[in-house]
Protein backbone atom coordinates (compact mmCIF):
# COMPACT_ATOMS: atom_id res chain seq x y z
CA MET A 1 -19.33 19.86 16.99
CA ASP A 2 -17.93 16.48 18.04
CA PRO A 3 -20.23 13.52 17.44
CA PHE A 4 -21.54 11.24 20.15
CA LEU A 5 -19.85 7.85 20.20
CA GLY A 6 -22.17 5.45 18.33
CA GLU A 7 -24.00 8.26 16.52
CA ILE A 8 -25.04 7.39 12.98
CA ARG A 9 -25.09 10.01 10.23
CA ALA A 10 -25.90 9.96 6.56
CA PHE A 11 -23.25 11.60 4.41
CA GLY A 12 -23.80 12.79 0.86
CA PHE A 13 -20.24 11.95 -0.18
CA GLY A 14 -18.57 8.61 -0.76
CA ILE A 15 -15.72 8.74 1.77
CA THR A 16 -15.74 7.74 5.42
CA PRO A 17 -14.61 10.65 7.63
CA LYS A 18 -11.85 10.18 10.22
CA GLY A 19 -13.28 8.81 13.48
CA TRP A 20 -16.19 7.15 11.67
CA MET A 21 -16.77 3.72 10.09
CA PRO A 22 -19.26 2.71 7.40
CA CYS A 23 -22.38 0.92 8.67
CA MET A 24 -21.70 -2.38 6.89
CA GLY A 25 -22.09 -4.92 9.69
CA GLN A 26 -18.37 -5.40 10.23
CA LEU A 27 -17.13 -7.07 13.42
CA LEU A 28 -15.00 -5.03 15.83
CA ASN A 29 -12.77 -6.28 18.63
CA ILE A 30 -14.25 -5.56 22.07
CA ASN A 31 -10.80 -5.05 23.67
CA THR A 32 -9.97 -2.13 21.36
CA ASN A 33 -13.52 -0.66 21.28
CA GLN A 34 -14.78 -1.07 24.86
CA ALA A 35 -16.66 2.24 25.04
CA LEU A 36 -18.53 1.64 21.78
CA PHE A 37 -19.27 -1.95 22.83
CA SER A 38 -20.75 -0.64 26.11
CA LEU A 39 -23.29 1.28 24.00
CA LEU A 40 -24.06 -1.21 21.22
CA GLY A 41 -23.45 -4.57 22.89
CA THR A 42 -24.47 -7.37 20.54
CA THR A 43 -27.57 -5.54 19.28
CA TYR A 44 -26.30 -5.81 15.70
CA GLY A 45 -24.41 -9.11 16.02
CA GLY A 46 -21.14 -10.53 17.26
CA ASN A 47 -20.40 -13.08 19.96
CA GLY A 48 -20.21 -10.62 22.88
CA THR A 49 -16.99 -12.15 24.22
CA THR A 50 -14.38 -11.07 21.73
CA ASN A 51 -16.32 -9.09 19.13
CA PHE A 52 -19.46 -7.12 18.32
CA ALA A 53 -20.97 -5.90 15.05
CA LEU A 54 -21.74 -2.47 13.71
CA PRO A 55 -25.18 -1.91 12.15
CA ASP A 56 -25.46 -3.03 8.52
CA TYR A 57 -27.33 -0.44 6.45
CA ARG A 58 -26.57 -1.98 3.06
CA GLY A 59 -29.89 -2.23 1.20
CA ARG A 60 -31.85 -1.11 4.28
CA VAL A 61 -33.98 1.83 5.34
CA GLN A 62 -34.27 3.19 8.87
CA VAL A 63 -37.25 2.36 11.08
CA SER A 64 -37.69 3.83 14.56
CA ALA A 65 -37.44 1.27 17.38
CA SER A 66 -40.64 0.46 19.30
CA ASN A 67 -42.10 -2.19 21.60
CA THR A 68 -43.01 -4.32 18.58
CA ILE A 69 -39.82 -3.61 16.59
CA PRO A 70 -36.88 -3.64 19.05
CA LEU A 71 -33.57 -1.93 18.33
CA GLY A 72 -31.46 -3.99 15.91
CA THR A 73 -34.38 -5.83 14.29
CA VAL A 74 -34.00 -6.43 10.55
CA GLY A 75 -36.86 -7.30 8.24
CA GLY A 76 -38.31 -6.98 4.79
CA GLU A 77 -37.03 -8.24 1.49
CA GLU A 78 -35.80 -6.62 -1.71
CA SER A 79 -37.86 -8.93 -3.93
CA HIS A 80 -40.82 -11.18 -3.24
CA THR A 81 -42.77 -13.93 -5.01
CA LEU A 82 -46.45 -13.86 -4.09
CA THR A 83 -47.99 -17.00 -2.66
CA LEU A 84 -51.60 -18.05 -3.23
CA ASN A 85 -52.55 -16.97 0.31
CA GLU A 86 -51.19 -13.45 -0.31
CA MET A 87 -53.33 -12.86 -3.39
CA PRO A 88 -56.66 -11.09 -2.92
CA ALA A 89 -59.83 -12.98 -3.79
CA HIS A 90 -60.56 -12.48 -7.49
CA THR A 91 -62.24 -13.98 -10.53
CA HIS A 92 -61.06 -14.85 -14.03
CA ASN A 93 -63.09 -14.32 -17.18
CA VAL A 94 -63.89 -17.28 -19.39
CA SER A 95 -63.96 -16.86 -23.17
CA ALA A 96 -67.08 -18.24 -24.83
CA SER A 97 -68.71 -18.12 -28.23
CA THR A 98 -72.40 -17.70 -29.09
CA VAL A 99 -71.91 -19.80 -32.24
CA ASP A 100 -72.75 -23.51 -32.28
CA ALA A 101 -69.83 -25.75 -31.43
CA THR A 102 -68.41 -27.74 -34.32
CA SER A 103 -65.78 -29.72 -32.44
CA LYS A 104 -65.27 -31.39 -29.06
CA ALA A 105 -61.86 -29.71 -28.82
CA PRO A 106 -62.13 -26.35 -30.59
CA GLN A 107 -59.13 -24.22 -31.42
CA GLY A 108 -58.27 -22.02 -28.43
CA MET A 109 -60.45 -24.24 -26.22
CA THR A 110 -63.23 -21.63 -26.32
CA TRP A 111 -66.59 -22.64 -24.91
CA ALA A 112 -69.43 -22.62 -27.42
CA VAL A 113 -73.14 -23.35 -27.64
CA PRO A 114 -73.54 -27.14 -27.93
CA GLY A 115 -74.82 -28.15 -31.37
CA ASN A 116 -76.51 -31.29 -29.99
CA LYS A 117 -78.54 -30.33 -26.92
CA ALA A 118 -79.01 -33.96 -25.89
CA ASN A 119 -75.26 -34.41 -25.35
CA SER A 120 -74.50 -30.87 -24.28
CA PHE A 121 -71.21 -31.52 -22.57
CA ALA A 122 -70.29 -35.14 -23.12
CA THR A 123 -71.77 -38.45 -24.20
CA THR A 124 -70.87 -39.99 -20.84
CA ILE A 125 -70.88 -38.58 -17.37
CA ASP A 126 -67.16 -39.04 -16.66
CA LYS A 127 -65.87 -36.52 -19.18
CA TYR A 128 -63.99 -33.51 -17.90
CA MET A 129 -63.33 -30.14 -19.41
CA SER A 130 -59.81 -29.78 -20.73
CA GLY A 131 -57.35 -28.07 -18.43
CA GLU A 132 -56.50 -25.84 -21.36
CA ALA A 133 -60.00 -24.30 -21.35
CA ILE A 134 -58.99 -21.99 -18.53
CA GLY A 135 -55.27 -21.40 -18.57
CA THR A 136 -52.95 -20.40 -15.79
CA THR A 137 -51.74 -16.87 -15.57
CA GLY A 138 -48.58 -15.36 -14.14
CA GLY A 139 -45.06 -16.64 -14.04
CA SER A 140 -44.33 -17.12 -10.32
CA GLN A 141 -41.40 -14.73 -10.64
CA PRO A 142 -40.23 -12.45 -7.82
CA HIS A 143 -41.03 -8.77 -8.21
CA ASN A 144 -39.16 -5.74 -6.94
CA ASN A 145 -40.43 -4.89 -3.46
CA MET A 146 -38.40 -1.74 -2.82
CA GLN A 147 -39.83 1.69 -2.17
CA PRO A 148 -38.31 4.66 -4.00
CA TYR A 149 -34.90 5.38 -2.50
CA LEU A 150 -31.85 7.63 -2.50
CA THR A 151 -28.51 6.07 -1.63
CA LEU A 152 -26.43 7.83 1.04
CA ASN A 153 -23.27 6.89 2.92
CA TYR A 154 -24.31 5.83 6.48
CA CYS A 155 -21.46 5.94 8.99
CA ILE A 156 -21.18 5.41 12.75
CA ALA A 157 -18.94 7.47 15.03
CA VAL A 158 -16.25 5.22 16.54
CA GLN A 159 -14.61 8.22 18.23
CA GLY A 160 -16.52 10.93 20.02
CA ILE A 161 -18.20 12.07 23.20
CA TYR A 162 -19.61 9.29 25.36
CA PRO A 163 -23.34 10.08 25.62
CA SER A 164 -24.72 10.72 29.10
CA ARG A 165 -28.09 9.33 30.03
CA GLY A 166 -30.72 11.97 30.42
């Protein structure tokens, strides 16, 4: 069966069949591909005067077009670094000891029971807890954001039957 012009198929082999082109976002000349341009227009890129682009499926998955996601929309990212606003509300545990403190700056900055109750936290009011008492966590590194996948060879028919509207 002949394909429809502009039809996209996934092939399980690594060659591009005759009459097809890989979906890699390449620019085509409108003058030599007028029928295909009449179907795709500049949905996937190009200037619309001399060229237009084929869809680029490299590193992408398919999503059905809708009112909120129009045809040709690209989105998502292969890796992502979380921002503070994206993290759920949470708490951190604080390490403490039930033994009397023996130093103002104990090893490991662990909280302890004050030995002198009169000066429980500091001798003066403008003393602050060391920033090392509760350390930061995480490395602000991007993480893989990709769902499980299987790589196929997506190609678009550049020769075929012009689809009729139905």
